[in-house]
All heavy atoms as atom14 arrays in JSON, in Angstrom:
{
  "sequence": "VLHRTVTDPRGWVRLDWDRANPARRTVPAYPFDPPDPAELPARLYPLE",
  "atom14_mask": [
    [1, 1, 1, 1, 1, 1, 1, 0, 0, 0, 0, 0, 0, 0],
    [1, 1, 1, 1, 1, 1, 1, 1, 0, 0, 0, 0, 0, 0],
    [1, 1, 1, 1, 1, 1, 1, 1, 1, 1, 0, 0, 0, 0],
    [1, 1, 1, 1, 1, 1, 1, 1, 1, 1, 1, 0, 0, 0],
    [1, 1, 1, 1, 1, 1, 1, 0, 0, 0, 0, 0, 0, 0],
    [1, 1, 1, 1, 1, 1, 1, 0, 0, 0, 0, 0, 0, 0],
    [1, 1, 1, 1, 1, 1, 1, 0, 0, 0, 0, 0, 0, 0],
    [1, 1, 1, 1, 1, 1, 1, 1, 0, 0, 0, 0, 0, 0],
    [1, 1, 1, 1, 1, 1, 1, 0, 0, 0, 0, 0, 0, 0],
    [1, 1, 1, 1, 1, 1, 1, 1, 1, 1, 1, 0, 0, 0],
    [1, 1, 1, 1, 0, 0, 0, 0, 0, 0, 0, 0, 0, 0],
    [1, 1, 1, 1, 1, 1, 1, 1, 1, 1, 1, 1, 1, 1],
    [1, 1, 1, 1, 1, 1, 1, 0, 0, 0, 0, 0, 0, 0],
    [1, 1, 1, 1, 1, 1, 1, 1, 1, 1, 1, 0, 0, 0],
    [1, 1, 1, 1, 1, 1, 1, 1, 0, 0, 0, 0, 0, 0],
    [1, 1, 1, 1, 1, 1, 1, 1, 0, 0, 0, 0, 0, 0],
    [1, 1, 1, 1, 1, 1, 1, 1, 1, 1, 1, 1, 1, 1],
    [1, 1, 1, 1, 1, 1, 1, 1, 0, 0, 0, 0, 0, 0],
    [1, 1, 1, 1, 1, 1, 1, 1, 1, 1, 1, 0, 0, 0],
    [1, 1, 1, 1, 1, 0, 0, 0, 0, 0, 0, 0, 0, 0],
    [1, 1, 1, 1, 1, 1, 1, 1, 0, 0, 0, 0, 0, 0],
    [1, 1, 1, 1, 1, 1, 1, 0, 0, 0, 0, 0, 0, 0],
    [1, 1, 1, 1, 1, 0, 0, 0, 0, 0, 0, 0, 0, 0],
    [1, 1, 1, 1, 1, 1, 1, 1, 1, 1, 1, 0, 0, 0],
    [1, 1, 1, 1, 1, 1, 1, 1, 1, 1, 1, 0, 0, 0],
    [1, 1, 1, 1, 1, 1, 1, 0, 0, 0, 0, 0, 0, 0],
    [1, 1, 1, 1, 1, 1, 1, 0, 0, 0, 0, 0, 0, 0],
    [1, 1, 1, 1, 1, 1, 1, 0, 0, 0, 0, 0, 0, 0],
    [1, 1, 1, 1, 1, 0, 0, 0, 0, 0, 0, 0, 0, 0],
    [1, 1, 1, 1, 1, 1, 1, 1, 1, 1, 1, 1, 0, 0],
    [1, 1, 1, 1, 1, 1, 1, 0, 0, 0, 0, 0, 0, 0],
    [1, 1, 1, 1, 1, 1, 1, 1, 1, 1, 1, 0, 0, 0],
    [1, 1, 1, 1, 1, 1, 1, 1, 0, 0, 0, 0, 0, 0],
    [1, 1, 1, 1, 1, 1, 1, 0, 0, 0, 0, 0, 0, 0],
    [1, 1, 1, 1, 1, 1, 1, 0, 0, 0, 0, 0, 0, 0],
    [1, 1, 1, 1, 1, 1, 1, 1, 0, 0, 0, 0, 0, 0],
    [1, 1, 1, 1, 1, 1, 1, 0, 0, 0, 0, 0, 0, 0],
    [1, 1, 1, 1, 1, 0, 0, 0, 0, 0, 0, 0, 0, 0],
    [1, 1, 1, 1, 1, 1, 1, 1, 1, 0, 0, 0, 0, 0],
    [1, 1, 1, 1, 1, 1, 1, 1, 0, 0, 0, 0, 0, 0],
    [1, 1, 1, 1, 1, 1, 1, 0, 0, 0, 0, 0, 0, 0],
    [1, 1, 1, 1, 1, 0, 0, 0, 0, 0, 0, 0, 0, 0],
    [1, 1, 1, 1, 1, 1, 1, 1, 1, 1, 1, 0, 0, 0],
    [1, 1, 1, 1, 1, 1, 1, 1, 0, 0, 0, 0, 0, 0],
    [1, 1, 1, 1, 1, 1, 1, 1, 1, 1, 1, 1, 0, 0],
    [1, 1, 1, 1, 1, 1, 1, 0, 0, 0, 0, 0, 0, 0],
    [1, 1, 1, 1, 1, 1, 1, 1, 0, 0, 0, 0, 0, 0],
    [1, 1, 1, 1, 1, 1, 1, 1, 1, 0, 0, 0, 0, 0]
  ],
  "atom14_positions": [
    [[63.1, 66.25, 67.65], [62.65, 65.31, 66.62], [61.29, 65.73, 66.07], [61.06, 65.72, 64.85], [62.61, 63.87, 67.17], [62.0, 62.92, 66.13], [64.0, 63.39, 67.56], [0.0, 0.0, 0.0], [0.0, 0.0, 0.0], [0.0, 0.0, 0.0], [0.0, 0.0, 0.0], [0.0, 0.0, 0.0], [0.0, 0.0, 0.0], [0.0, 0.0, 0.0]],
    [[60.39, 66.12, 66.94], [59.06, 66.53, 66.51], [59.1, 67.76, 65.61], [58.27, 67.9, 64.71], [58.17, 66.81, 67.73], [57.82, 65.62, 68.61], [57.04, 66.08, 69.83], [57.02, 64.58, 67.85], [0.0, 0.0, 0.0], [0.0, 0.0, 0.0], [0.0, 0.0, 0.0], [0.0, 0.0, 0.0], [0.0, 0.0, 0.0], [0.0, 0.0, 0.0]],
    [[60.06, 68.62, 65.82], [60.19, 69.84, 65.01], [61.15, 69.65, 63.83], [61.44, 70.62, 63.11], [60.65, 71.01, 65.89], [59.56, 71.58, 66.74], [59.2, 71.04, 67.96], [58.73, 72.64, 66.54], [58.21, 71.75, 68.47], [57.9, 72.71, 67.64], [0.0, 0.0, 0.0], [0.0, 0.0, 0.0], [0.0, 0.0, 0.0], [0.0, 0.0, 0.0]],
    [[61.66, 68.44, 63.62], [62.55, 68.11, 62.49], [63.83, 68.97, 62.47], [64.33, 69.32, 61.41], [61.85, 68.29, 61.14], [60.82, 67.23, 60.79], [59.48, 67.58, 61.27], [58.42, 66.91, 60.53], [57.14, 67.07, 60.83], [56.77, 67.87, 61.8], [56.22, 66.44, 60.13], [0.0, 0.0, 0.0], [0.0, 0.0, 0.0], [0.0, 0.0, 0.0]],
    [[64.35, 69.3, 63.63], [65.59, 70.08, 63.68], [66.82, 69.2, 63.82], [67.94, 69.73, 63.85], [65.56, 71.09, 64.86], [65.4, 70.38, 66.09], [64.41, 72.07, 64.69], [0.0, 0.0, 0.0], [0.0, 0.0, 0.0], [0.0, 0.0, 0.0], [0.0, 0.0, 0.0], [0.0, 0.0, 0.0], [0.0, 0.0, 0.0], [0.0, 0.0, 0.0]],
    [[66.64, 67.89, 63.89], [67.76, 66.95, 63.96], [67.52, 65.83, 62.95], [66.39, 65.6, 62.5], [67.92, 66.35, 65.37], [68.37, 67.42, 66.36], [66.63, 65.68, 65.85], [0.0, 0.0, 0.0], [0.0, 0.0, 0.0], [0.0, 0.0, 0.0], [0.0, 0.0, 0.0], [0.0, 0.0, 0.0], [0.0, 0.0, 0.0], [0.0, 0.0, 0.0]],
    [[68.59, 65.13, 62.6], [68.49, 64.01, 61.66], [68.86, 62.7, 62.37], [69.39, 62.71, 63.48], [69.43, 64.22, 60.46], [70.78, 64.38, 60.94], [69.03, 65.46, 59.68], [0.0, 0.0, 0.0], [0.0, 0.0, 0.0], [0.0, 0.0, 0.0], [0.0, 0.0, 0.0], [0.0, 0.0, 0.0], [0.0, 0.0, 0.0], [0.0, 0.0, 0.0]],
    [[68.57, 61.61, 61.71], [68.87, 60.29, 62.27], [70.38, 60.13, 62.42], [71.12, 60.31, 61.45], [68.31, 59.2, 61.36], [68.37, 57.83, 61.98], [69.49, 57.36, 62.29], [67.32, 57.2, 62.16], [0.0, 0.0, 0.0], [0.0, 0.0, 0.0], [0.0, 0.0, 0.0], [0.0, 0.0, 0.0], [0.0, 0.0, 0.0], [0.0, 0.0, 0.0]],
    [[70.87, 59.79, 63.62], [72.32, 59.66, 63.81], [72.96, 58.6, 62.92], [74.17, 58.67, 62.65], [72.45, 59.28, 65.29], [71.18, 59.75, 65.93], [70.13, 59.58, 64.87], [0.0, 0.0, 0.0], [0.0, 0.0, 0.0], [0.0, 0.0, 0.0], [0.0, 0.0, 0.0], [0.0, 0.0, 0.0], [0.0, 0.0, 0.0], [0.0, 0.0, 0.0]],
    [[72.19, 57.62, 62.47], [72.74, 56.54, 61.65], [72.4, 56.71, 60.17], [72.76, 55.86, 59.35], [72.24, 55.19, 62.14], [72.41, 54.98, 63.64], [72.07, 53.57, 64.06], [71.81, 53.5, 65.5], [71.68, 52.38, 66.18], [71.8, 51.21, 65.56], [71.44, 52.39, 67.49], [0.0, 0.0, 0.0], [0.0, 0.0, 0.0], [0.0, 0.0, 0.0]],
    [[71.66, 57.74, 59.84], [71.26, 57.93, 58.45], [70.18, 56.98, 57.99], [69.97, 56.82, 56.77], [0.0, 0.0, 0.0], [0.0, 0.0, 0.0], [0.0, 0.0, 0.0], [0.0, 0.0, 0.0], [0.0, 0.0, 0.0], [0.0, 0.0, 0.0], [0.0, 0.0, 0.0], [0.0, 0.0, 0.0], [0.0, 0.0, 0.0], [0.0, 0.0, 0.0]],
    [[69.43, 56.38, 58.93], [68.39, 55.44, 58.55], [67.1, 56.17, 58.22], [66.98, 57.38, 58.39], [68.2, 54.4, 59.65], [69.36, 53.46, 59.78], [70.45, 53.4, 58.96], [69.57, 52.48, 60.8], [71.32, 52.43, 59.39], [70.82, 51.84, 60.52], [68.85, 52.06, 61.91], [71.33, 50.82, 61.31], [69.36, 51.04, 62.71], [70.58, 50.42, 62.41]],
    [[66.12, 55.41, 57.74], [64.92, 55.99, 57.17], [64.1, 56.73, 58.21], [64.07, 56.36, 59.39], [64.07, 54.89, 56.49], [63.41, 53.98, 57.52], [63.03, 55.49, 55.57], [0.0, 0.0, 0.0], [0.0, 0.0, 0.0], [0.0, 0.0, 0.0], [0.0, 0.0, 0.0], [0.0, 0.0, 0.0], [0.0, 0.0, 0.0], [0.0, 0.0, 0.0]],
    [[63.44, 57.8, 57.78], [62.38, 58.42, 58.55], [61.12, 58.33, 57.7], [61.2, 58.42, 56.46], [62.71, 59.87, 58.9], [62.56, 60.82, 57.74], [63.14, 62.18, 58.02], [62.87, 63.12, 56.96], [63.5, 63.16, 55.8], [64.47, 62.29, 55.54], [63.18, 64.05, 54.88], [0.0, 0.0, 0.0], [0.0, 0.0, 0.0], [0.0, 0.0, 0.0]],
    [[59.99, 58.15, 58.34], [58.71, 58.18, 57.64], [57.99, 59.44, 58.09], [57.7, 59.61, 59.27], [57.88, 56.94, 57.99], [58.54, 55.58, 57.72], [57.59, 54.44, 58.08], [58.98, 55.47, 56.26], [0.0, 0.0, 0.0], [0.0, 0.0, 0.0], [0.0, 0.0, 0.0], [0.0, 0.0, 0.0], [0.0, 0.0, 0.0], [0.0, 0.0, 0.0]],
    [[57.76, 60.33, 57.16], [57.23, 61.64, 57.51], [56.42, 62.18, 56.33], [56.96, 62.83, 55.44], [58.39, 62.57, 57.87], [57.92, 63.95, 58.33], [56.7, 64.16, 58.43], [58.79, 64.8, 58.6], [0.0, 0.0, 0.0], [0.0, 0.0, 0.0], [0.0, 0.0, 0.0], [0.0, 0.0, 0.0], [0.0, 0.0, 0.0], [0.0, 0.0, 0.0]],
    [[55.13, 61.92, 56.34], [54.26, 62.39, 55.26], [54.31, 63.91, 55.13], [54.04, 64.45, 54.05], [52.82, 61.97, 55.55], [52.48, 60.55, 55.32], [53.34, 59.47, 55.33], [51.19, 60.02, 55.06], [52.66, 58.32, 55.11], [51.33, 58.62, 54.94], [49.93, 60.59, 54.94], [50.25, 57.79, 54.69], [48.85, 59.76, 54.7], [49.01, 58.37, 54.56]],
    [[54.6, 64.59, 56.22], [54.43, 66.04, 56.25], [55.75, 66.8, 56.23], [55.79, 67.98, 56.56], [53.64, 66.42, 57.51], [52.26, 65.82, 57.51], [51.46, 66.2, 56.64], [51.98, 64.95, 58.36], [0.0, 0.0, 0.0], [0.0, 0.0, 0.0], [0.0, 0.0, 0.0], [0.0, 0.0, 0.0], [0.0, 0.0, 0.0], [0.0, 0.0, 0.0]],
    [[56.82, 66.14, 55.81], [58.14, 66.78, 55.86], [58.16, 68.06, 55.02], [58.84, 69.02, 55.37], [59.23, 65.81, 55.38], [59.12, 65.45, 53.92], [59.93, 64.22, 53.55], [59.81, 63.94, 52.14], [58.73, 63.37, 51.58], [57.7, 63.04, 52.34], [58.69, 63.13, 50.29], [0.0, 0.0, 0.0], [0.0, 0.0, 0.0], [0.0, 0.0, 0.0]],
    [[57.43, 68.09, 53.89], [57.4, 69.26, 53.02], [56.01, 69.88, 52.95], [55.71, 70.63, 52.03], [57.88, 68.88, 51.61], [0.0, 0.0, 0.0], [0.0, 0.0, 0.0], [0.0, 0.0, 0.0], [0.0, 0.0, 0.0], [0.0, 0.0, 0.0], [0.0, 0.0, 0.0], [0.0, 0.0, 0.0], [0.0, 0.0, 0.0], [0.0, 0.0, 0.0]],
    [[55.17, 69.59, 53.92], [53.79, 70.07, 53.9], [53.74, 71.58, 54.17], [54.3, 72.04, 55.17], [52.99, 69.33, 54.98], [51.49, 69.54, 54.84], [51.02, 70.56, 54.37], [50.73, 68.54, 55.27], [0.0, 0.0, 0.0], [0.0, 0.0, 0.0], [0.0, 0.0, 0.0], [0.0, 0.0, 0.0], [0.0, 0.0, 0.0], [0.0, 0.0, 0.0]],
    [[53.1, 72.38, 53.31], [52.97, 73.81, 53.57], [52.29, 74.12, 54.9], [52.41, 75.24, 55.42], [52.13, 74.32, 52.39], [52.33, 73.3, 51.31], [52.51, 71.98, 52.01], [0.0, 0.0, 0.0], [0.0, 0.0, 0.0], [0.0, 0.0, 0.0], [0.0, 0.0, 0.0], [0.0, 0.0, 0.0], [0.0, 0.0, 0.0], [0.0, 0.0, 0.0]],
    [[51.57, 73.15, 55.47], [50.93, 73.36, 56.78], [51.94, 73.71, 57.86], [51.59, 74.35, 58.86], [50.15, 72.12, 57.18], [0.0, 0.0, 0.0], [0.0, 0.0, 0.0], [0.0, 0.0, 0.0], [0.0, 0.0, 0.0], [0.0, 0.0, 0.0], [0.0, 0.0, 0.0], [0.0, 0.0, 0.0], [0.0, 0.0, 0.0], [0.0, 0.0, 0.0]],
    [[53.2, 73.32, 57.65], [54.22, 73.6, 58.66], [54.55, 75.09, 58.76], [55.17, 75.51, 59.72], [55.47, 72.77, 58.38], [55.24, 71.26, 58.52], [56.52, 70.47, 58.42], [57.45, 70.87, 59.46], [58.77, 70.77, 59.35], [59.3, 70.29, 58.24], [59.54, 71.15, 60.33], [0.0, 0.0, 0.0], [0.0, 0.0, 0.0], [0.0, 0.0, 0.0]],
    [[54.13, 75.87, 57.78], [54.29, 77.32, 57.9], [53.38, 77.87, 59.0], [53.68, 78.89, 59.63], [53.95, 78.01, 56.57], [54.85, 77.6, 55.41], [54.3, 78.13, 54.1], [54.95, 77.51, 52.96], [54.44, 77.45, 51.74], [53.25, 78.0, 51.5], [55.09, 76.85, 50.75], [0.0, 0.0, 0.0], [0.0, 0.0, 0.0], [0.0, 0.0, 0.0]],
    [[52.25, 77.21, 59.19], [51.3, 77.61, 60.23], [51.59, 76.9, 61.55], [51.58, 77.51, 62.62], [49.86, 77.31, 59.79], [49.6, 77.95, 58.54], [48.85, 77.76, 60.82], [0.0, 0.0, 0.0], [0.0, 0.0, 0.0], [0.0, 0.0, 0.0], [0.0, 0.0, 0.0], [0.0, 0.0, 0.0], [0.0, 0.0, 0.0], [0.0, 0.0, 0.0]],
    [[51.85, 75.6, 61.48], [52.14, 74.78, 62.66], [53.49, 74.12, 62.4], [53.56, 73.1, 61.71], [51.03, 73.72, 62.88], [51.33, 72.89, 64.13], [49.66, 74.38, 62.98], [0.0, 0.0, 0.0], [0.0, 0.0, 0.0], [0.0, 0.0, 0.0], [0.0, 0.0, 0.0], [0.0, 0.0, 0.0], [0.0, 0.0, 0.0], [0.0, 0.0, 0.0]],
    [[54.58, 74.66, 62.91], [55.91, 74.19, 62.54], [56.14, 72.7, 62.76], [56.87, 72.07, 61.99], [56.85, 75.03, 63.42], [56.09, 76.29, 63.65], [54.66, 75.88, 63.75], [0.0, 0.0, 0.0], [0.0, 0.0, 0.0], [0.0, 0.0, 0.0], [0.0, 0.0, 0.0], [0.0, 0.0, 0.0], [0.0, 0.0, 0.0], [0.0, 0.0, 0.0]],
    [[55.53, 72.12, 63.79], [55.73, 70.69, 64.07], [54.65, 69.83, 63.44], [54.58, 68.64, 63.72], [55.76, 70.46, 65.58], [0.0, 0.0, 0.0], [0.0, 0.0, 0.0], [0.0, 0.0, 0.0], [0.0, 0.0, 0.0], [0.0, 0.0, 0.0], [0.0, 0.0, 0.0], [0.0, 0.0, 0.0], [0.0, 0.0, 0.0], [0.0, 0.0, 0.0]],
    [[53.82, 70.38, 62.56], [52.68, 69.68, 61.97], [53.07, 68.26, 61.53], [54.13, 68.07, 60.94], [52.18, 70.45, 60.74], [50.88, 69.94, 60.19], [49.67, 70.43, 60.64], [50.87, 68.95, 59.21], [48.47, 69.96, 60.12], [49.67, 68.46, 58.71], [48.48, 68.97, 59.15], [47.3, 68.49, 58.66], [0.0, 0.0, 0.0], [0.0, 0.0, 0.0]],
    [[52.23, 67.26, 61.87], [50.88, 67.31, 62.45], [50.84, 67.34, 63.97], [49.78, 67.18, 64.57], [50.27, 66.01, 61.93], [51.42, 65.06, 61.9], [52.61, 65.89, 61.48], [0.0, 0.0, 0.0], [0.0, 0.0, 0.0], [0.0, 0.0, 0.0], [0.0, 0.0, 0.0], [0.0, 0.0, 0.0], [0.0, 0.0, 0.0], [0.0, 0.0, 0.0]],
    [[52.0, 67.53, 64.59], [52.06, 67.61, 66.04], [51.78, 69.03, 66.52], [52.04, 70.01, 65.82], [53.45, 67.2, 66.54], [53.83, 65.78, 66.2], [54.63, 65.51, 65.1], [53.4, 64.73, 66.99], [54.99, 64.2, 64.79], [53.76, 63.43, 66.69], [54.55, 63.17, 65.58], [0.0, 0.0, 0.0], [0.0, 0.0, 0.0], [0.0, 0.0, 0.0]],
    [[51.29, 69.12, 67.74], [51.29, 70.37, 68.51], [51.76, 69.98, 69.91], [50.97, 69.92, 70.85], [49.9, 70.99, 68.54], [49.89, 72.33, 69.26], [50.98, 72.89, 69.5], [48.79, 72.81, 69.61], [0.0, 0.0, 0.0], [0.0, 0.0, 0.0], [0.0, 0.0, 0.0], [0.0, 0.0, 0.0], [0.0, 0.0, 0.0], [0.0, 0.0, 0.0]],
    [[53.05, 69.68, 70.04], [53.53, 69.07, 71.28], [53.59, 70.06, 72.43], [53.79, 71.26, 72.22], [54.94, 68.6, 70.91], [55.38, 69.53, 69.83], [54.13, 69.87, 69.06], [0.0, 0.0, 0.0], [0.0, 0.0, 0.0], [0.0, 0.0, 0.0], [0.0, 0.0, 0.0], [0.0, 0.0, 0.0], [0.0, 0.0, 0.0], [0.0, 0.0, 0.0]],
    [[53.42, 69.57, 73.65], [53.63, 70.44, 74.81], [55.09, 70.83, 74.93], [55.97, 70.19, 74.34], [53.18, 69.57, 75.99], [53.37, 68.17, 75.51], [53.09, 68.19, 74.04], [0.0, 0.0, 0.0], [0.0, 0.0, 0.0], [0.0, 0.0, 0.0], [0.0, 0.0, 0.0], [0.0, 0.0, 0.0], [0.0, 0.0, 0.0], [0.0, 0.0, 0.0]],
    [[55.36, 71.87, 75.71], [56.74, 72.25, 75.98], [57.47, 71.1, 76.66], [56.84, 70.28, 77.34], [56.78, 73.49, 76.87], [56.3, 74.74, 76.15], [56.38, 74.77, 74.9], [55.83, 75.67, 76.84], [0.0, 0.0, 0.0], [0.0, 0.0, 0.0], [0.0, 0.0, 0.0], [0.0, 0.0, 0.0], [0.0, 0.0, 0.0], [0.0, 0.0, 0.0]],
    [[58.79, 71.01, 76.47], [59.54, 69.9, 77.09], [59.27, 69.73, 78.58], [59.17, 68.6, 79.07], [60.99, 70.28, 76.81], [60.94, 71.05, 75.54], [59.66, 71.85, 75.62], [0.0, 0.0, 0.0], [0.0, 0.0, 0.0], [0.0, 0.0, 0.0], [0.0, 0.0, 0.0], [0.0, 0.0, 0.0], [0.0, 0.0, 0.0], [0.0, 0.0, 0.0]],
    [[59.11, 70.82, 79.32], [58.87, 70.71, 80.76], [57.54, 70.04, 81.07], [57.37, 69.42, 82.13], [58.94, 72.09, 81.4], [0.0, 0.0, 0.0], [0.0, 0.0, 0.0], [0.0, 0.0, 0.0], [0.0, 0.0, 0.0], [0.0, 0.0, 0.0], [0.0, 0.0, 0.0], [0.0, 0.0, 0.0], [0.0, 0.0, 0.0], [0.0, 0.0, 0.0]],
    [[56.58, 70.15, 80.15], [55.25, 69.59, 80.36], [55.08, 68.22, 79.71], [54.11, 67.51, 79.99], [54.2, 70.54, 79.81], [54.23, 71.93, 80.43], [53.3, 72.89, 79.71], [52.57, 72.45, 78.8], [53.32, 74.08, 80.06], [0.0, 0.0, 0.0], [0.0, 0.0, 0.0], [0.0, 0.0, 0.0], [0.0, 0.0, 0.0], [0.0, 0.0, 0.0]],
    [[56.0, 67.86, 78.84], [55.83, 66.65, 78.04], [55.73, 65.37, 78.89], [54.84, 64.53, 78.64], [56.96, 66.55, 77.02], [56.86, 65.49, 75.93], [57.45, 66.01, 74.64], [57.59, 64.22, 76.35], [0.0, 0.0, 0.0], [0.0, 0.0, 0.0], [0.0, 0.0, 0.0], [0.0, 0.0, 0.0], [0.0, 0.0, 0.0], [0.0, 0.0, 0.0]],
    [[56.59, 65.15, 79.9], [56.49, 63.89, 80.66], [55.14, 63.67, 81.32], [54.72, 62.52, 81.51], [57.62, 64.03, 81.69], [58.6, 64.94, 81.05], [57.76, 65.94, 80.31], [0.0, 0.0, 0.0], [0.0, 0.0, 0.0], [0.0, 0.0, 0.0], [0.0, 0.0, 0.0], [0.0, 0.0, 0.0], [0.0, 0.0, 0.0], [0.0, 0.0, 0.0]],
    [[54.44, 64.74, 81.66], [53.14, 64.6, 82.31], [52.08, 64.04, 81.37], [51.02, 63.58, 81.82], [52.67, 65.95, 82.86], [0.0, 0.0, 0.0], [0.0, 0.0, 0.0], [0.0, 0.0, 0.0], [0.0, 0.0, 0.0], [0.0, 0.0, 0.0], [0.0, 0.0, 0.0], [0.0, 0.0, 0.0], [0.0, 0.0, 0.0], [0.0, 0.0, 0.0]],
    [[52.34, 64.06, 80.05], [51.4, 63.52, 79.06], [51.75, 62.09, 78.66], [51.13, 61.55, 77.74], [51.42, 64.39, 77.8], [51.22, 65.87, 78.04], [49.77, 66.26, 78.08], [49.64, 67.72, 78.06], [49.41, 68.43, 76.97], [49.3, 67.82, 75.8], [49.3, 69.74, 77.04], [0.0, 0.0, 0.0], [0.0, 0.0, 0.0], [0.0, 0.0, 0.0]],
    [[52.74, 61.51, 79.32], [53.24, 60.2, 78.91], [53.21, 59.21, 80.08], [53.25, 59.61, 81.25], [54.68, 60.32, 78.4], [54.9, 61.21, 77.17], [56.39, 61.43, 76.95], [54.26, 60.6, 75.93], [0.0, 0.0, 0.0], [0.0, 0.0, 0.0], [0.0, 0.0, 0.0], [0.0, 0.0, 0.0], [0.0, 0.0, 0.0], [0.0, 0.0, 0.0]],
    [[53.18, 57.92, 79.71], [53.19, 56.85, 80.71], [54.24, 55.82, 80.31], [54.43, 55.54, 79.12], [51.82, 56.17, 80.78], [50.7, 57.14, 81.05], [49.88, 57.58, 80.02], [50.47, 57.63, 82.34], [48.86, 58.48, 80.25], [49.44, 58.53, 82.58], [48.65, 58.96, 81.54], [47.63, 59.85, 81.78], [0.0, 0.0, 0.0], [0.0, 0.0, 0.0]],
    [[54.94, 55.23, 81.29], [55.95, 54.22, 80.96], [55.32, 52.95, 80.4], [54.21, 52.57, 80.79], [56.66, 53.97, 82.29], [55.7, 54.42, 83.34], [54.88, 55.51, 82.73], [0.0, 0.0, 0.0], [0.0, 0.0, 0.0], [0.0, 0.0, 0.0], [0.0, 0.0, 0.0], [0.0, 0.0, 0.0], [0.0, 0.0, 0.0], [0.0, 0.0, 0.0]],
    [[56.04, 52.32, 79.48], [55.6, 51.07, 78.85], [56.67, 50.01, 79.04], [57.86, 50.3, 78.94], [55.42, 51.26, 77.35], [54.09, 51.7, 76.77], [54.17, 51.64, 75.24], [52.95, 50.84, 77.27], [0.0, 0.0, 0.0], [0.0, 0.0, 0.0], [0.0, 0.0, 0.0], [0.0, 0.0, 0.0], [0.0, 0.0, 0.0], [0.0, 0.0, 0.0]],
    [[56.23, 48.77, 79.25], [57.16, 47.65, 79.18], [57.51, 47.38, 77.71], [56.75, 47.74, 76.8], [56.55, 46.42, 79.83], [56.38, 46.57, 81.33], [55.84, 45.31, 82.0], [55.63, 44.29, 81.28], [55.61, 45.35, 83.22], [0.0, 0.0, 0.0], [0.0, 0.0, 0.0], [0.0, 0.0, 0.0], [0.0, 0.0, 0.0], [0.0, 0.0, 0.0]]
  ]
}
């Protein structure tokens, strides 16, 4: 999802200011620079 390689399964709206931003040529997931999937859970905390 962060890299925009998938679409909404229901065809509902996405809000993405940077979907066509030329910055993505430099940072493909712009404005994100996400950790690798193996490292991602360590940056997150569960929420109620």
